[in-house]
């Protein structure tokens, strides 16, 4: 069953920051990052419970080719994205967002 995905403002800011960083590394790389992000979102929509619970009720979908995860929880018929975080960042930063 396809779910609705809600991206919170903090997660959107994470995404834009990451895209900006990748663009500074190589023009066009931000588009590749966004495509990987979008592919993971599509998987979340299709099979939201397929991804592991990593903290409380927060699940994580890893991006292909990039060291980032999409952190989300399920609420009714929606998957609520709370963070788009680099794997090396302190997880306490996104854990406080729930």
N, C-alpha and C. Protein backbone atom coordinates (compact mmCIF):
# COMPACT_ATOMS: atom_id res chain seq x y z
N UNK A 1 0.84 -1.19 0.00
CA UNK A 1 0.00 0.00 0.00
C UNK A 1 0.89 1.25 0.00
N UNK A 2 0.66 2.14 -0.92
CA UNK A 2 1.44 3.37 -0.98
C UNK A 2 1.03 4.31 0.14
N UNK A 3 1.99 4.87 0.77
CA UNK A 3 1.76 5.81 1.85
C UNK A 3 2.07 7.23 1.40
N UNK A 4 1.47 8.13 2.11
CA UNK A 4 1.79 9.54 1.94
C UNK A 4 3.07 9.80 2.72
N UNK A 5 3.96 10.63 2.18
CA UNK A 5 5.19 10.98 2.89
C UNK A 5 5.13 12.46 3.23
N UNK A 6 5.38 12.76 4.50
CA UNK A 6 5.43 14.13 4.98
C UNK A 6 6.88 14.41 5.35
N UNK A 7 7.45 15.46 4.79
CA UNK A 7 8.83 15.82 5.10
C UNK A 7 8.80 17.06 5.97
N UNK A 8 9.24 16.90 7.21
CA UNK A 8 9.28 18.04 8.13
C UNK A 8 10.33 19.06 7.68
N UNK A 9 10.15 20.30 8.14
CA UNK A 9 11.04 21.40 7.74
C UNK A 9 12.51 21.11 8.06
N UNK A 10 12.77 20.49 9.21
CA UNK A 10 14.16 20.19 9.57
C UNK A 10 14.79 19.21 8.59
N UNK A 11 14.01 18.23 8.17
CA UNK A 11 14.50 17.23 7.21
C UNK A 11 14.72 17.88 5.85
N UNK A 12 13.84 18.78 5.47
CA UNK A 12 14.01 19.49 4.20
C UNK A 12 15.28 20.33 4.24
N UNK A 13 15.55 20.97 5.38
CA UNK A 13 16.78 21.75 5.54
C UNK A 13 18.01 20.84 5.45
N UNK A 14 17.93 19.65 6.06
CA UNK A 14 19.02 18.67 5.95
C UNK A 14 19.29 18.34 4.49
N UNK A 15 18.23 18.08 3.75
CA UNK A 15 18.33 17.70 2.34
C UNK A 15 18.98 18.82 1.53
N UNK A 16 18.52 20.05 1.74
CA UNK A 16 19.07 21.18 1.00
C UNK A 16 20.53 21.42 1.35
N UNK A 17 20.89 21.25 2.62
CA UNK A 17 22.29 21.40 3.03
C UNK A 17 23.17 20.37 2.34
N UNK A 18 22.71 19.12 2.32
CA UNK A 18 23.48 18.05 1.69
C UNK A 18 23.62 18.32 0.19
N UNK A 19 22.54 18.73 -0.44
CA UNK A 19 22.59 19.01 -1.88
C UNK A 19 23.56 20.15 -2.18
N UNK A 20 23.56 21.16 -1.33
CA UNK A 20 24.48 22.29 -1.50
C UNK A 20 25.93 21.83 -1.37
N UNK A 21 26.19 20.97 -0.38
CA UNK A 21 27.55 20.46 -0.18
C UNK A 21 28.00 19.66 -1.40
N UNK A 22 27.13 18.77 -1.90
CA UNK A 22 27.50 17.96 -3.05
C UNK A 22 27.68 18.81 -4.31
N UNK A 23 26.89 19.85 -4.45
CA UNK A 23 27.06 20.75 -5.60
C UNK A 23 28.42 21.44 -5.55
N UNK A 24 28.86 21.81 -4.34
CA UNK A 24 30.17 22.44 -4.18
C UNK A 24 31.31 21.47 -4.51
N UNK A 25 31.07 20.18 -4.32
CA UNK A 25 32.10 19.18 -4.63
C UNK A 25 32.24 18.99 -6.14
N UNK A 26 31.11 18.92 -6.81
CA UNK A 26 31.11 18.75 -8.26
C UNK A 26 29.73 19.13 -8.80
N UNK A 27 29.64 20.14 -9.66
CA UNK A 27 28.34 20.51 -10.21
C UNK A 27 27.65 19.29 -10.83
N UNK A 28 26.38 19.12 -10.50
CA UNK A 28 25.60 17.99 -11.00
C UNK A 28 25.52 16.86 -9.99
N UNK A 29 26.46 16.81 -9.05
CA UNK A 29 26.43 15.75 -8.05
C UNK A 29 25.22 15.88 -7.13
N UNK A 30 24.77 17.12 -6.92
CA UNK A 30 23.57 17.32 -6.09
C UNK A 30 22.34 16.68 -6.73
N UNK A 31 22.29 16.65 -8.06
CA UNK A 31 21.17 16.01 -8.75
C UNK A 31 21.21 14.49 -8.55
N UNK A 32 22.42 13.93 -8.58
CA UNK A 32 22.57 12.49 -8.33
C UNK A 32 22.16 12.15 -6.90
N UNK A 33 22.53 13.03 -5.97
CA UNK A 33 22.14 12.83 -4.57
C UNK A 33 20.61 12.88 -4.45
N UNK A 34 19.99 13.86 -5.09
CA UNK A 34 18.53 13.98 -5.00
C UNK A 34 17.84 12.76 -5.61
N UNK A 35 18.37 12.24 -6.70
CA UNK A 35 17.78 11.04 -7.31
C UNK A 35 17.85 9.85 -6.35
N UNK A 36 18.98 9.73 -5.64
CA UNK A 36 19.12 8.65 -4.64
C UNK A 36 18.13 8.86 -3.50
N UNK A 37 17.97 10.10 -3.08
CA UNK A 37 16.99 10.43 -2.03
C UNK A 37 15.58 10.08 -2.49
N UNK A 38 15.24 10.49 -3.69
CA UNK A 38 13.90 10.25 -4.23
C UNK A 38 13.62 8.76 -4.39
N UNK A 39 14.62 7.99 -4.80
CA UNK A 39 14.45 6.54 -4.92
C UNK A 39 14.17 5.91 -3.56
N UNK A 40 14.86 6.37 -2.53
CA UNK A 40 14.61 5.85 -1.18
C UNK A 40 13.22 6.25 -0.70
N UNK A 41 12.79 7.46 -1.01
CA UNK A 41 11.43 7.88 -0.62
C UNK A 41 10.38 7.00 -1.29
N UNK A 42 10.62 6.65 -2.55
CA UNK A 42 9.68 5.77 -3.26
C UNK A 42 9.57 4.42 -2.57
N UNK A 43 10.71 3.90 -2.11
CA UNK A 43 10.70 2.62 -1.39
C UNK A 43 9.96 2.75 -0.07
N UNK A 44 10.13 3.88 0.61
CA UNK A 44 9.40 4.12 1.86
C UNK A 44 7.90 4.13 1.59
N UNK A 45 7.49 4.79 0.51
CA UNK A 45 6.06 4.85 0.15
C UNK A 45 5.49 3.45 -0.09
N UNK A 46 6.25 2.63 -0.81
CA UNK A 46 5.76 1.30 -1.18
C UNK A 46 5.80 0.30 -0.03
N UNK A 47 6.90 0.29 0.71
CA UNK A 47 7.08 -0.71 1.78
C UNK A 47 7.67 -0.05 3.03
N UNK A 48 6.88 0.78 3.70
CA UNK A 48 7.41 1.56 4.82
C UNK A 48 7.93 0.74 5.99
N UNK A 49 7.40 -0.46 6.16
CA UNK A 49 7.84 -1.28 7.30
C UNK A 49 9.04 -2.17 6.95
N UNK A 50 9.54 -2.06 5.73
CA UNK A 50 10.67 -2.89 5.31
C UNK A 50 11.99 -2.41 5.89
N UNK A 51 12.03 -1.19 6.38
CA UNK A 51 13.27 -0.63 6.89
C UNK A 51 13.37 -0.81 8.39
N UNK A 52 14.61 -0.99 8.89
CA UNK A 52 14.78 -1.30 10.31
C UNK A 52 14.46 -0.13 11.24
N UNK A 53 13.95 -0.49 12.40
CA UNK A 53 13.74 0.49 13.48
C UNK A 53 15.11 0.69 14.12
N UNK A 54 15.52 1.96 14.24
CA UNK A 54 16.85 2.24 14.78
C UNK A 54 16.83 2.96 16.13
N UNK A 55 15.66 3.52 16.48
CA UNK A 55 15.56 4.24 17.76
C UNK A 55 14.08 4.45 18.06
N UNK A 56 13.60 3.87 19.16
CA UNK A 56 12.18 4.02 19.48
C UNK A 56 11.34 3.48 18.34
N UNK A 57 10.55 4.35 17.72
CA UNK A 57 9.76 3.93 16.55
C UNK A 57 10.29 4.53 15.25
N UNK A 58 11.51 5.06 15.30
CA UNK A 58 12.12 5.69 14.12
C UNK A 58 12.80 4.62 13.26
N UNK A 59 12.49 4.68 11.98
CA UNK A 59 13.09 3.77 11.00
C UNK A 59 14.10 4.54 10.15
N UNK A 60 15.00 3.77 9.52
CA UNK A 60 16.01 4.40 8.68
C UNK A 60 16.10 3.69 7.34
N UNK A 61 16.01 4.48 6.27
CA UNK A 61 16.23 3.99 4.91
C UNK A 61 17.54 4.61 4.42
N UNK A 62 18.48 3.77 4.03
CA UNK A 62 19.77 4.27 3.56
C UNK A 62 19.69 4.65 2.09
N UNK A 63 20.41 5.70 1.74
CA UNK A 63 20.49 6.10 0.33
C UNK A 63 21.55 5.26 -0.36
N UNK A 64 21.27 4.94 -1.57
CA UNK A 64 22.23 4.19 -2.38
C UNK A 64 23.34 5.14 -2.84
N UNK A 65 24.57 4.71 -2.70
CA UNK A 65 25.74 5.43 -3.19
C UNK A 65 26.17 6.61 -2.34
N UNK A 66 25.34 7.08 -1.45
CA UNK A 66 25.67 8.22 -0.60
C UNK A 66 25.54 7.80 0.87
N UNK A 67 26.41 8.32 1.75
CA UNK A 67 26.38 7.89 3.16
C UNK A 67 25.34 8.63 3.98
N UNK A 68 24.10 8.58 3.53
CA UNK A 68 23.00 9.27 4.20
C UNK A 68 21.86 8.30 4.50
N UNK A 69 21.11 8.64 5.53
CA UNK A 69 19.91 7.89 5.85
C UNK A 69 18.72 8.82 5.94
N UNK A 70 17.55 8.30 5.60
CA UNK A 70 16.29 9.03 5.80
C UNK A 70 15.66 8.43 7.05
N UNK A 71 15.44 9.26 8.04
CA UNK A 71 14.88 8.82 9.32
C UNK A 71 13.41 9.24 9.37
N UNK A 72 12.55 8.28 9.67
CA UNK A 72 11.11 8.55 9.63
C UNK A 72 10.38 7.65 10.62
N UNK A 73 9.14 8.05 10.91
CA UNK A 73 8.26 7.21 11.71
C UNK A 73 6.92 7.14 11.00
N UNK A 74 6.15 6.13 11.35
CA UNK A 74 4.84 5.95 10.74
C UNK A 74 3.78 6.53 11.66
N UNK A 75 2.88 7.30 11.06
CA UNK A 75 1.80 7.93 11.82
C UNK A 75 0.54 7.83 10.97
N UNK A 76 -0.35 6.94 11.37
CA UNK A 76 -1.55 6.71 10.57
C UNK A 76 -1.16 6.21 9.20
N UNK A 77 -1.60 6.89 8.17
CA UNK A 77 -1.28 6.49 6.79
C UNK A 77 -0.07 7.22 6.24
N UNK A 78 0.63 7.95 7.09
CA UNK A 78 1.78 8.74 6.62
C UNK A 78 3.10 8.23 7.17
N UNK A 79 4.13 8.42 6.36
CA UNK A 79 5.52 8.24 6.82
C UNK A 79 6.05 9.66 7.01
N UNK A 80 6.44 9.99 8.24
CA UNK A 80 6.88 11.35 8.57
C UNK A 80 8.40 11.36 8.64
N UNK A 81 9.01 12.08 7.71
CA UNK A 81 10.47 12.17 7.65
C UNK A 81 10.93 13.28 8.59
N UNK A 82 11.80 12.90 9.54
CA UNK A 82 12.29 13.88 10.52
C UNK A 82 13.73 14.31 10.27
N UNK A 83 14.48 13.53 9.48
CA UNK A 83 15.88 13.87 9.23
C UNK A 83 16.40 13.19 7.98
N UNK A 84 17.36 13.86 7.35
CA UNK A 84 18.14 13.29 6.26
C UNK A 84 19.58 13.52 6.72
N UNK A 85 20.19 12.48 7.29
CA UNK A 85 21.44 12.66 8.02
C UNK A 85 22.58 11.83 7.45
N UNK A 86 23.77 12.42 7.47
CA UNK A 86 25.00 11.72 7.12
C UNK A 86 25.28 10.67 8.18
N UNK A 87 25.74 9.53 7.76
CA UNK A 87 25.96 8.40 8.67
C UNK A 87 26.98 8.69 9.77
N UNK A 88 27.88 9.62 9.56
CA UNK A 88 28.92 9.92 10.54
C UNK A 88 28.52 11.00 11.55
N UNK A 89 27.36 11.61 11.36
CA UNK A 89 26.93 12.65 12.29
C UNK A 89 26.40 12.03 13.57
N UNK A 90 26.42 12.81 14.62
CA UNK A 90 25.96 12.36 15.94
C UNK A 90 24.46 12.08 15.88
N UNK A 91 24.05 10.82 16.13
CA UNK A 91 22.62 10.48 16.05
C UNK A 91 21.76 11.22 17.08
N UNK A 92 22.34 11.73 18.13
CA UNK A 92 21.56 12.48 19.12
C UNK A 92 20.88 13.70 18.50
N UNK A 93 21.47 14.22 17.42
CA UNK A 93 20.89 15.40 16.77
C UNK A 93 19.53 15.09 16.15
N UNK A 94 19.40 13.93 15.48
CA UNK A 94 18.09 13.62 14.90
C UNK A 94 17.17 12.97 15.92
N UNK A 95 17.72 12.30 16.92
CA UNK A 95 16.89 11.64 17.93
C UNK A 95 16.06 12.65 18.72
N UNK A 96 16.53 13.85 18.81
CA UNK A 96 15.80 14.90 19.54
C UNK A 96 14.65 15.47 18.74
N UNK A 97 14.53 15.12 17.50
CA UNK A 97 13.49 15.71 16.63
C UNK A 97 12.14 15.04 16.74
N UNK A 98 12.06 13.87 17.30
CA UNK A 98 10.78 13.15 17.36
C UNK A 98 9.80 13.95 18.18
